[in-house]
Amino acid sequence: MPMQAQEIEDLIRETFPDAKITITDLAGDGNHYAAEVVDESFRGRNRVQQQRAVYAALKGKMDGPSGDLHALALTTKAPD
């Protein structure tokens, strides 16, 4: 079952409560999303570390072909 954008944001927000989070449904199908997560906790971390932290916040929703979330284009950064 496809995930809704709000569900994705809610999962990320549990781990990053103060983040600026933007979720976009890329194909309008509920399966292909883009997320931008801007959070102070990313400062000093490389991009791989930042993205791993966000994927961990998704609590397995992207795991394997039976995952609820099919694709997520992820952009992460610390605030300017």
N, C-alpha and C. Protein backbone atom coordinates (compact mmCIF):
# COMPACT_ATOMS: atom_id res chain seq x y z
N MET A 1 0.85 -1.18 0.00
CA MET A 1 0.00 0.00 0.00
C MET A 1 0.89 1.24 0.00
N PRO A 2 0.66 2.17 -0.93
CA PRO A 2 1.49 3.37 -0.99
C PRO A 2 1.39 4.21 0.28
N MET A 3 2.47 4.90 0.56
CA MET A 3 2.49 5.81 1.71
C MET A 3 2.04 7.20 1.27
N GLN A 4 1.50 7.93 2.20
CA GLN A 4 1.14 9.32 1.97
C GLN A 4 2.32 10.21 2.38
N ALA A 5 2.42 11.38 1.77
CA ALA A 5 3.51 12.30 2.08
C ALA A 5 3.54 12.63 3.57
N GLN A 6 2.37 12.80 4.17
CA GLN A 6 2.31 13.14 5.60
C GLN A 6 2.88 12.03 6.46
N GLU A 7 2.67 10.77 6.07
CA GLU A 7 3.23 9.64 6.82
C GLU A 7 4.76 9.68 6.80
N ILE A 8 5.31 10.00 5.64
CA ILE A 8 6.77 10.08 5.51
C ILE A 8 7.29 11.21 6.39
N GLU A 9 6.65 12.36 6.31
CA GLU A 9 7.07 13.49 7.13
C GLU A 9 6.97 13.16 8.62
N ASP A 10 5.89 12.52 9.02
CA ASP A 10 5.71 12.18 10.43
C ASP A 10 6.82 11.27 10.94
N LEU A 11 7.21 10.28 10.14
CA LEU A 11 8.28 9.37 10.55
C LEU A 11 9.60 10.13 10.70
N ILE A 12 9.91 10.98 9.73
CA ILE A 12 11.16 11.75 9.79
C ILE A 12 11.12 12.71 10.98
N ARG A 13 9.97 13.34 11.21
CA ARG A 13 9.86 14.32 12.28
C ARG A 13 10.05 13.70 13.66
N GLU A 14 9.73 12.43 13.83
CA GLU A 14 9.95 11.76 15.12
C GLU A 14 11.43 11.81 15.51
N THR A 15 12.32 11.66 14.53
CA THR A 15 13.75 11.68 14.78
C THR A 15 14.33 13.09 14.69
N PHE A 16 13.75 13.92 13.84
CA PHE A 16 14.25 15.27 13.60
C PHE A 16 13.13 16.28 13.86
N PRO A 17 12.76 16.50 15.13
CA PRO A 17 11.58 17.32 15.45
C PRO A 17 11.68 18.77 15.01
N ASP A 18 12.88 19.31 14.89
CA ASP A 18 13.04 20.72 14.54
C ASP A 18 13.42 20.93 13.08
N ALA A 19 13.42 19.87 12.30
CA ALA A 19 13.87 19.96 10.91
C ALA A 19 12.85 20.68 10.04
N LYS A 20 13.37 21.27 8.97
CA LYS A 20 12.51 21.77 7.90
C LYS A 20 12.41 20.60 6.92
N ILE A 21 11.20 20.08 6.71
CA ILE A 21 11.00 18.90 5.89
C ILE A 21 10.04 19.24 4.77
N THR A 22 10.45 18.94 3.54
CA THR A 22 9.60 19.13 2.37
C THR A 22 9.48 17.79 1.66
N ILE A 23 8.26 17.31 1.48
CA ILE A 23 8.01 16.05 0.79
C ILE A 23 7.25 16.35 -0.50
N THR A 24 7.71 15.79 -1.62
CA THR A 24 7.08 15.99 -2.90
C THR A 24 6.78 14.64 -3.54
N ASP A 25 5.55 14.43 -3.97
CA ASP A 25 5.17 13.22 -4.70
C ASP A 25 5.55 13.43 -6.16
N LEU A 26 6.62 12.80 -6.60
CA LEU A 26 7.19 13.07 -7.92
C LEU A 26 6.32 12.61 -9.08
N ALA A 27 5.66 11.48 -8.92
CA ALA A 27 4.89 10.92 -10.04
C ALA A 27 3.39 10.99 -9.80
N GLY A 28 2.98 11.48 -8.65
CA GLY A 28 1.57 11.54 -8.33
C GLY A 28 0.96 10.18 -8.05
N ASP A 29 1.82 9.18 -7.81
CA ASP A 29 1.32 7.82 -7.62
C ASP A 29 1.47 7.29 -6.19
N GLY A 30 2.02 8.12 -5.29
CA GLY A 30 2.21 7.68 -3.92
C GLY A 30 3.34 6.69 -3.74
N ASN A 31 4.16 6.50 -4.77
CA ASN A 31 5.27 5.55 -4.69
C ASN A 31 6.64 6.19 -4.90
N HIS A 32 6.68 7.34 -5.52
CA HIS A 32 7.95 7.98 -5.86
C HIS A 32 7.97 9.40 -5.27
N TYR A 33 8.74 9.55 -4.22
CA TYR A 33 8.78 10.82 -3.50
C TYR A 33 10.19 11.42 -3.52
N ALA A 34 10.22 12.72 -3.30
CA ALA A 34 11.46 13.44 -3.01
C ALA A 34 11.28 14.06 -1.63
N ALA A 35 12.35 14.06 -0.86
CA ALA A 35 12.31 14.68 0.46
C ALA A 35 13.54 15.56 0.62
N GLU A 36 13.33 16.74 1.16
CA GLU A 36 14.43 17.60 1.56
C GLU A 36 14.31 17.76 3.07
N VAL A 37 15.41 17.43 3.76
CA VAL A 37 15.43 17.53 5.21
C VAL A 37 16.60 18.43 5.60
N VAL A 38 16.27 19.54 6.25
CA VAL A 38 17.29 20.50 6.69
C VAL A 38 17.25 20.50 8.21
N ASP A 39 18.38 20.11 8.82
CA ASP A 39 18.40 19.99 10.27
C ASP A 39 19.79 20.31 10.81
N GLU A 40 19.82 20.98 11.94
CA GLU A 40 21.09 21.37 12.56
C GLU A 40 21.95 20.15 12.91
N SER A 41 21.33 19.03 13.20
CA SER A 41 22.10 17.84 13.59
C SER A 41 22.98 17.32 12.45
N PHE A 42 22.74 17.79 11.23
CA PHE A 42 23.56 17.35 10.09
C PHE A 42 24.88 18.10 10.00
N ARG A 43 25.00 19.19 10.73
CA ARG A 43 26.23 19.98 10.67
C ARG A 43 27.43 19.12 11.08
N GLY A 44 28.46 19.12 10.25
CA GLY A 44 29.66 18.37 10.53
C GLY A 44 29.59 16.90 10.08
N ARG A 45 28.44 16.46 9.60
CA ARG A 45 28.30 15.10 9.09
C ARG A 45 28.39 15.13 7.56
N ASN A 46 28.95 14.08 6.99
CA ASN A 46 28.97 14.03 5.53
C ASN A 46 27.59 13.60 5.01
N ARG A 47 27.40 13.72 3.71
CA ARG A 47 26.10 13.44 3.11
C ARG A 47 25.62 12.01 3.36
N VAL A 48 26.51 11.05 3.30
CA VAL A 48 26.14 9.66 3.54
C VAL A 48 25.63 9.49 4.97
N GLN A 49 26.30 10.08 5.93
CA GLN A 49 25.86 10.00 7.33
C GLN A 49 24.50 10.65 7.51
N GLN A 50 24.29 11.78 6.87
CA GLN A 50 23.01 12.47 6.96
C GLN A 50 21.89 11.61 6.40
N GLN A 51 22.11 11.06 5.21
CA GLN A 51 21.06 10.28 4.57
C GLN A 51 20.79 8.97 5.29
N ARG A 52 21.81 8.35 5.82
CA ARG A 52 21.59 7.13 6.62
C ARG A 52 20.72 7.43 7.83
N ALA A 53 20.92 8.57 8.44
CA ALA A 53 20.11 8.95 9.60
C ALA A 53 18.64 9.11 9.21
N VAL A 54 18.40 9.69 8.05
CA VAL A 54 17.01 9.86 7.60
C VAL A 54 16.41 8.51 7.24
N TYR A 55 17.15 7.67 6.52
CA TYR A 55 16.63 6.35 6.18
C TYR A 55 16.33 5.53 7.44
N ALA A 56 17.15 5.67 8.46
CA ALA A 56 16.89 4.97 9.72
C ALA A 56 15.59 5.46 10.35
N ALA A 57 15.31 6.76 10.19
CA ALA A 57 14.08 7.34 10.74
C ALA A 57 12.83 6.76 10.06
N LEU A 58 12.99 6.22 8.85
CA LEU A 58 11.86 5.65 8.12
C LEU A 58 11.49 4.25 8.63
N LYS A 59 12.25 3.74 9.56
CA LYS A 59 11.92 2.50 10.28
C LYS A 59 11.56 1.33 9.38
N GLY A 60 12.39 1.10 8.36
CA GLY A 60 12.19 -0.07 7.52
C GLY A 60 11.14 0.05 6.44
N LYS A 61 10.53 1.21 6.28
CA LYS A 61 9.47 1.38 5.28
C LYS A 61 10.00 1.25 3.85
N MET A 62 11.32 1.36 3.65
CA MET A 62 11.90 1.22 2.31
C MET A 62 12.60 -0.12 2.13
N ASP A 63 12.47 -1.03 3.07
CA ASP A 63 13.21 -2.28 3.02
C ASP A 63 12.62 -3.27 2.02
N GLY A 64 13.40 -3.59 1.01
CA GLY A 64 13.03 -4.64 0.08
C GLY A 64 11.85 -4.31 -0.81
N PRO A 65 11.51 -5.23 -1.69
CA PRO A 65 10.44 -5.01 -2.65
C PRO A 65 9.05 -4.91 -2.01
N SER A 66 8.91 -5.39 -0.80
CA SER A 66 7.60 -5.31 -0.14
C SER A 66 7.48 -4.10 0.77
N GLY A 67 8.47 -3.20 0.74
CA GLY A 67 8.43 -2.01 1.57
C GLY A 67 7.29 -1.08 1.15
N ASP A 68 6.77 -0.33 2.10
CA ASP A 68 5.65 0.58 1.82
C ASP A 68 6.06 1.76 0.95
N LEU A 69 7.33 2.12 0.99
CA LEU A 69 7.84 3.27 0.23
C LEU A 69 8.78 2.76 -0.84
N HIS A 70 8.42 2.96 -2.09
CA HIS A 70 9.17 2.40 -3.21
C HIS A 70 10.45 3.19 -3.51
N ALA A 71 10.33 4.51 -3.61
CA ALA A 71 11.49 5.32 -4.00
C ALA A 71 11.44 6.67 -3.29
N LEU A 72 12.61 7.10 -2.84
CA LEU A 72 12.73 8.39 -2.17
C LEU A 72 14.03 9.06 -2.61
N ALA A 73 13.90 10.16 -3.35
CA ALA A 73 15.07 10.97 -3.70
C ALA A 73 15.29 11.90 -2.53
N LEU A 74 16.45 11.78 -1.90
CA LEU A 74 16.68 12.44 -0.62
C LEU A 74 17.76 13.51 -0.72
N THR A 75 17.43 14.69 -0.23
CA THR A 75 18.39 15.78 -0.10
C THR A 75 18.45 16.15 1.37
N THR A 76 19.66 16.20 1.91
CA THR A 76 19.83 16.56 3.31
C THR A 76 20.90 17.63 3.43
N LYS A 77 20.74 18.50 4.43
CA LYS A 77 21.77 19.51 4.68
C LYS A 77 21.52 20.18 6.01
N ALA A 78 22.55 20.84 6.51
CA ALA A 78 22.41 21.67 7.70
C ALA A 78 21.88 23.04 7.25
N PRO A 79 21.22 23.75 8.13
CA PRO A 79 20.73 25.09 7.77
C PRO A 79 21.88 26.02 7.39
N ASP A 80 21.58 26.99 6.54
CA ASP A 80 22.60 27.99 6.12
C ASP A 80 22.90 28.92 7.26
